[in-house]
Amino acid sequence: MLDISNIQPNLYIIGFMGTGKSVIGKRVASSIRFEFIDTDSVIEAEENISIREMFNFLGESHFRQMERKFIETGHPPNNCVVSCGGGLAVQPGMLDLLKQKGIVISLFASTQVILSRVLGKDKRPLLNVDNPEEKILALLKEREKFYLEAGTAVSTDNRSIPEIVDHIRRIYLRESQSWIKKKEYV
């Protein structure tokens, strides 16, 4: 007989670039003894190319297809914290798919905090433009509604990493019980 007492839904962390998804995700995973998976890192390893190069040579649409494939079939169905790329939840149907597969928490940060965290980092292909601040503002405006639809939003501004991790851990523990109960009645 399969013991399901330790099988828990995945936690998907979404949000804009620079909100702390990877840093916070790693710590949350450690605190609840889950595997940590960063979608961008997995895609880079599978494609053997950086995200920046993928955008430049294969196009953003190829990258988005790889994200979708990963969420649909490319990771364990339970006991993982998954840090999702900033544009993943914006793709049609992806937020609903994430919610079917587990608990979704969206991280937020102010524009100024995001700018301070991401400007000057060569890794961000969407910011490879003349005015990165303008691009961030436009992308935030476009994506914010999707991040808010996640249900639970957590600000990372002016809070310590341990404080944020504890907050998310408590949210996850509460919401995972409700998620499991819903699945039992479906």
Protein backbone atom coordinates (compact mmCIF):
# COMPACT_ATOMS: atom_id res chain seq x y z
CA MET A 1 0.00 0.00 0.00
CA LEU A 2 1.26 3.45 -0.93
CA ASP A 3 1.85 5.77 2.02
CA ILE A 4 0.59 9.16 0.88
CA SER A 5 1.09 10.93 4.21
CA ASN A 6 4.33 12.49 2.97
CA ILE A 7 3.12 13.30 -0.53
CA GLN A 8 2.38 17.01 -0.70
CA PRO A 9 1.44 19.29 -3.59
CA ASN A 10 4.15 21.29 -5.28
CA LEU A 11 4.60 24.94 -4.43
CA TYR A 12 4.93 27.18 -7.49
CA ILE A 13 6.49 30.59 -6.89
CA ILE A 14 5.67 33.13 -9.58
CA GLY A 15 6.36 36.84 -9.93
CA PHE A 16 8.30 39.41 -11.84
CA MET A 17 12.07 39.17 -12.28
CA GLY A 18 13.93 40.43 -9.25
CA THR A 19 11.21 39.68 -6.71
CA GLY A 20 13.30 36.93 -5.10
CA LYS A 21 11.72 33.77 -6.51
CA SER A 22 14.92 31.72 -6.66
CA VAL A 23 16.48 32.93 -3.41
CA ILE A 24 13.25 32.57 -1.45
CA GLY A 25 12.29 29.34 -3.23
CA LYS A 26 15.53 27.60 -2.24
CA ARG A 27 15.07 28.57 1.39
CA VAL A 28 11.40 27.57 1.48
CA ALA A 29 12.26 24.20 -0.09
CA SER A 30 14.90 23.60 2.54
CA SER A 31 12.55 24.58 5.36
CA ILE A 32 9.85 22.10 4.28
CA ARG A 33 12.32 19.45 3.03
CA PHE A 34 11.27 19.65 -0.61
CA GLU A 35 13.32 19.53 -3.77
CA PHE A 36 13.98 22.98 -5.26
CA ILE A 37 13.64 23.43 -9.03
CA ASP A 38 14.30 26.63 -10.97
CA THR A 39 12.57 26.46 -14.36
CA ASP A 40 15.13 28.73 -16.04
CA SER A 41 18.06 26.60 -14.82
CA VAL A 42 16.41 23.36 -15.94
CA ILE A 43 15.66 24.78 -19.39
CA GLU A 44 19.20 26.10 -19.76
CA ALA A 45 20.60 22.67 -18.84
CA GLU A 46 18.24 20.78 -21.16
CA GLU A 47 18.87 23.11 -24.10
CA ASN A 48 22.58 23.55 -23.29
CA ILE A 49 22.24 27.28 -23.92
CA SER A 50 21.68 30.31 -21.70
CA ILE A 51 18.27 31.95 -21.58
CA ARG A 52 19.83 35.08 -23.11
CA GLU A 53 21.24 33.07 -26.04
CA MET A 54 17.95 31.21 -26.41
CA PHE A 55 16.08 34.51 -26.75
CA ASN A 56 18.68 35.81 -29.23
CA PHE A 57 19.02 32.73 -31.44
CA LEU A 58 15.83 30.69 -31.01
CA GLY A 59 13.39 33.41 -29.96
CA GLU A 60 11.21 34.06 -26.95
CA SER A 61 8.48 31.77 -28.32
CA HIS A 62 10.86 28.78 -28.19
CA PHE A 63 11.68 29.58 -24.58
CA ARG A 64 7.98 29.87 -23.70
CA GLN A 65 7.34 26.46 -25.33
CA MET A 66 10.10 24.98 -23.18
CA GLU A 67 8.52 26.51 -20.05
CA ARG A 68 5.14 25.01 -20.94
CA LYS A 69 6.66 21.59 -21.62
CA PHE A 70 8.45 21.68 -18.28
CA ILE A 71 5.28 22.53 -16.34
CA GLU A 72 3.19 19.98 -18.23
CA THR A 73 5.54 17.00 -17.99
CA GLY A 74 9.07 17.90 -16.97
CA HIS A 75 9.10 17.79 -13.18
CA PRO A 76 7.94 15.65 -10.25
CA PRO A 77 4.24 16.00 -9.40
CA ASN A 78 4.78 16.35 -5.65
CA ASN A 79 7.09 17.64 -2.93
CA CYS A 80 8.87 20.34 -4.96
CA VAL A 81 9.21 24.08 -4.74
CA VAL A 82 9.33 25.39 -8.31
CA SER A 83 10.63 28.88 -9.06
CA CYS A 84 8.92 29.87 -12.30
CA GLY A 85 10.28 32.28 -14.89
CA GLY A 86 8.73 35.75 -14.68
CA GLY A 87 6.69 35.34 -17.87
CA LEU A 88 5.51 31.77 -17.32
CA ALA A 89 2.24 32.59 -15.57
CA VAL A 90 1.34 35.14 -18.26
CA GLN A 91 1.07 32.49 -20.99
CA PRO A 92 -2.51 31.47 -21.81
CA GLY A 93 -3.71 28.69 -19.53
CA MET A 94 -0.51 28.41 -17.52
CA LEU A 95 -1.78 29.89 -14.27
CA ASP A 96 -4.73 27.49 -14.30
CA LEU A 97 -2.35 24.61 -14.99
CA LEU A 98 -0.13 25.63 -12.08
CA LYS A 99 -3.15 25.80 -9.77
CA GLN A 100 -4.20 22.29 -10.85
CA LYS A 101 -0.73 20.98 -10.05
CA GLY A 102 -0.19 22.67 -6.69
CA ILE A 103 -0.15 25.79 -4.57
CA VAL A 104 0.75 29.07 -6.32
CA ILE A 105 2.24 32.03 -4.48
CA SER A 106 3.16 35.25 -6.22
CA LEU A 107 6.04 37.42 -5.04
CA PHE A 108 5.91 41.19 -5.46
CA ALA A 109 8.41 44.00 -5.03
CA SER A 110 8.29 47.70 -5.75
CA THR A 111 9.62 48.95 -9.06
CA GLN A 112 12.59 50.58 -7.30
CA VAL A 113 13.52 47.35 -5.52
CA ILE A 114 13.22 45.38 -8.75
CA LEU A 115 15.41 47.91 -10.56
CA SER A 116 18.06 47.74 -7.85
CA ARG A 117 18.09 43.94 -8.01
CA VAL A 118 18.16 43.43 -11.78
CA LEU A 119 19.85 46.39 -13.47
CA GLY A 120 23.36 45.60 -14.55
CA LYS A 121 22.75 41.85 -14.59
CA ASP A 122 23.67 40.62 -18.06
CA LYS A 123 21.40 37.59 -17.64
CA ARG A 124 18.05 39.31 -18.32
CA PRO A 125 17.26 39.12 -22.06
CA LEU A 126 14.09 41.18 -21.77
CA LEU A 127 16.15 44.05 -20.36
CA ASN A 128 18.58 44.11 -23.26
CA VAL A 129 17.08 47.42 -24.42
CA ASP A 130 18.07 51.11 -24.40
CA ASN A 131 15.81 51.97 -21.45
CA PRO A 132 15.53 48.99 -19.07
CA GLU A 133 13.56 50.97 -16.48
CA GLU A 134 10.89 51.80 -19.05
CA LYS A 135 10.79 48.15 -20.12
CA ILE A 136 10.37 46.99 -16.50
CA LEU A 137 7.48 49.41 -15.97
CA ALA A 138 5.77 48.25 -19.19
CA LEU A 139 6.21 44.55 -18.38
CA LEU A 140 5.00 45.05 -14.81
CA LYS A 141 1.88 46.81 -16.05
CA GLU A 142 1.22 43.99 -18.52
CA ARG A 143 1.88 41.12 -16.09
CA GLU A 144 0.65 42.34 -12.73
CA LYS A 145 -2.95 41.17 -13.26
CA PHE A 146 -1.71 37.63 -13.89
CA TYR A 147 0.43 37.63 -10.77
CA LEU A 148 -2.54 38.86 -8.72
CA GLU A 149 -4.71 36.01 -10.03
CA ALA A 150 -2.42 33.55 -8.27
CA GLY A 151 -4.50 34.09 -5.15
CA THR A 152 -1.77 34.65 -2.59
CA ALA A 153 0.62 37.55 -2.99
CA VAL A 154 3.64 38.19 -0.79
CA SER A 155 5.67 41.38 -0.82
CA THR A 156 9.45 41.03 -0.60
CA ASP A 157 10.09 44.75 0.01
CA ASN A 158 11.70 45.76 3.30
CA ARG A 159 11.53 42.26 4.79
CA SER A 160 14.29 39.86 5.69
CA ILE A 161 14.67 36.62 3.79
CA PRO A 162 13.94 34.50 6.91
CA GLU A 163 10.76 36.51 7.53
CA ILE A 164 9.54 36.01 3.95
CA VAL A 165 10.44 32.30 4.02
CA ASP A 166 8.54 31.77 7.26
CA HIS A 167 5.52 33.65 5.91
CA ILE A 168 5.45 31.55 2.71
CA ARG A 169 6.01 28.32 4.63
CA ARG A 170 3.00 29.06 6.85
CA ILE A 171 0.85 29.96 3.82
CA TYR A 172 1.91 26.78 2.05
CA LEU A 173 1.18 24.53 5.03
CA ARG A 174 -2.29 26.04 5.40
CA GLU A 175 -3.17 26.07 1.70
CA SER A 176 -1.79 22.61 0.96
CA GLN A 177 -4.27 21.07 3.37
CA SER A 178 -7.16 22.80 1.58
CA TRP A 179 -5.72 21.82 -1.82
CA ILE A 180 -5.50 18.15 -0.79
CA LYS A 181 -9.08 18.17 0.53
CA LYS A 182 -10.35 19.66 -2.75
CA LYS A 183 -8.55 16.94 -4.71
CA GLU A 184 -10.14 14.24 -2.53
CA TYR A 185 -13.62 15.42 -3.55
CA VAL A 186 -12.94 15.80 -7.26
